[in-house]
Amino acid sequence: MPEIDLERARAGIPSHESAPDGEWSVRRITERNAAKDYICPGCHRVIPSGLAHLVVWQEDSLFGAAAGLAGRRHWHVNCWRTRSYKY
């Protein structure tokens, strides 16, 4: 049986958010658990390792839940909260 990553488990269960662009799972990543650099899709700037941020994926993806999870992205907290909905 694989060993449980307690730090990851303590990060919590994703919250659910409804928005004009869909249904989303949003999970907070703590400074301690932010181990890699990512590019934020909101501002296209680096989220450096060690910076708390969000991991977000679409629950109602057109191609199913697994595709939504596979398409998850890392966002700056402020970029996610202030994103615009483009149609």
Protein backbone atom coordinates (compact mmCIF):
# COMPACT_ATOMS: atom_id res chain seq x y z
CA MET A 1 0.00 0.00 0.00
CA PRO A 2 1.40 3.46 -0.90
CA GLU A 3 2.35 5.80 1.92
CA ILE A 4 -0.11 8.65 2.60
CA ASP A 5 1.19 12.18 2.05
CA LEU A 6 -0.06 13.80 5.27
CA GLU A 7 0.90 17.34 4.25
CA ARG A 8 -1.15 17.04 1.08
CA ALA A 9 -4.06 15.53 2.99
CA ARG A 10 -4.00 18.42 5.48
CA ALA A 11 -4.31 20.92 2.63
CA GLY A 12 -7.97 20.06 2.59
CA ILE A 13 -10.79 19.13 0.33
CA PRO A 14 -11.42 21.46 -2.59
CA SER A 15 -14.22 23.96 -2.23
CA HIS A 16 -16.93 24.28 -4.86
CA GLU A 17 -17.58 27.52 -6.74
CA SER A 18 -20.33 28.31 -9.23
CA ALA A 19 -19.59 31.06 -11.75
CA PRO A 20 -20.90 32.22 -15.14
CA ASP A 21 -18.18 30.12 -16.78
CA GLY A 22 -19.01 26.87 -15.01
CA GLU A 23 -18.75 24.81 -11.87
CA TRP A 24 -15.28 24.76 -10.33
CA SER A 25 -13.27 22.92 -7.69
CA VAL A 26 -10.81 25.22 -5.96
CA ARG A 27 -8.07 23.93 -3.69
CA ARG A 28 -5.73 26.11 -1.66
CA ILE A 29 -2.03 25.33 -1.83
CA THR A 30 -0.07 26.50 1.21
CA GLU A 31 3.37 28.06 1.07
CA ARG A 32 4.78 24.85 2.49
CA ASN A 33 3.16 22.70 -0.21
CA ALA A 34 4.00 25.02 -3.12
CA ALA A 35 7.03 23.10 -4.33
CA LYS A 36 7.19 24.07 -8.01
CA ASP A 37 6.91 27.12 -10.23
CA TYR A 38 3.76 27.50 -12.37
CA ILE A 39 2.47 30.03 -14.88
CA CYS A 40 -0.80 31.66 -13.82
CA PRO A 41 -3.37 31.60 -16.67
CA GLY A 42 -4.83 34.86 -15.39
CA CYS A 43 -1.76 37.12 -15.64
CA HIS A 44 0.70 34.78 -17.43
CA ARG A 45 3.30 35.43 -14.73
CA VAL A 46 5.20 32.93 -12.64
CA ILE A 47 3.80 31.61 -9.39
CA PRO A 48 7.11 30.84 -7.68
CA SER A 49 7.61 27.89 -5.39
CA GLY A 50 6.88 28.84 -1.81
CA LEU A 51 3.95 31.13 -2.71
CA ALA A 52 0.46 30.15 -1.57
CA HIS A 53 -1.94 29.89 -4.52
CA LEU A 54 -4.97 28.00 -5.86
CA VAL A 55 -5.35 24.90 -8.00
CA VAL A 56 -8.56 25.10 -10.01
CA TRP A 57 -10.36 22.63 -12.27
CA GLN A 58 -13.71 22.60 -13.99
CA GLU A 59 -16.22 20.14 -12.58
CA ASP A 60 -18.62 20.39 -15.53
CA SER A 61 -16.07 19.98 -18.30
CA LEU A 62 -17.59 19.17 -21.68
CA PHE A 63 -15.38 16.06 -21.84
CA GLY A 64 -16.17 14.81 -18.31
CA ALA A 65 -14.83 15.09 -14.80
CA ALA A 66 -11.55 13.30 -15.56
CA ALA A 67 -10.79 15.78 -18.35
CA GLY A 68 -11.60 18.68 -16.05
CA LEU A 69 -9.20 17.37 -13.42
CA ALA A 70 -6.51 16.74 -16.04
CA GLY A 71 -6.91 20.35 -17.18
CA ARG A 72 -6.39 21.84 -13.72
CA ARG A 73 -4.39 25.05 -13.51
CA HIS A 74 -2.53 26.93 -10.80
CA TRP A 75 -3.71 30.52 -10.22
CA HIS A 76 -2.63 33.45 -8.10
CA VAL A 77 -5.42 33.97 -5.56
CA ASN A 78 -6.12 37.51 -6.75
CA CYS A 79 -6.09 36.53 -10.44
CA TRP A 80 -8.70 33.84 -9.79
CA ARG A 81 -10.90 36.16 -7.72
CA THR A 82 -10.78 38.97 -10.31
CA ARG A 83 -10.89 36.95 -13.54
CA SER A 84 -13.23 38.09 -16.27
CA TYR A 85 -15.75 35.88 -18.02
CA LYS A 86 -15.30 36.08 -21.79
CA TYR A 87 -18.01 34.83 -24.15
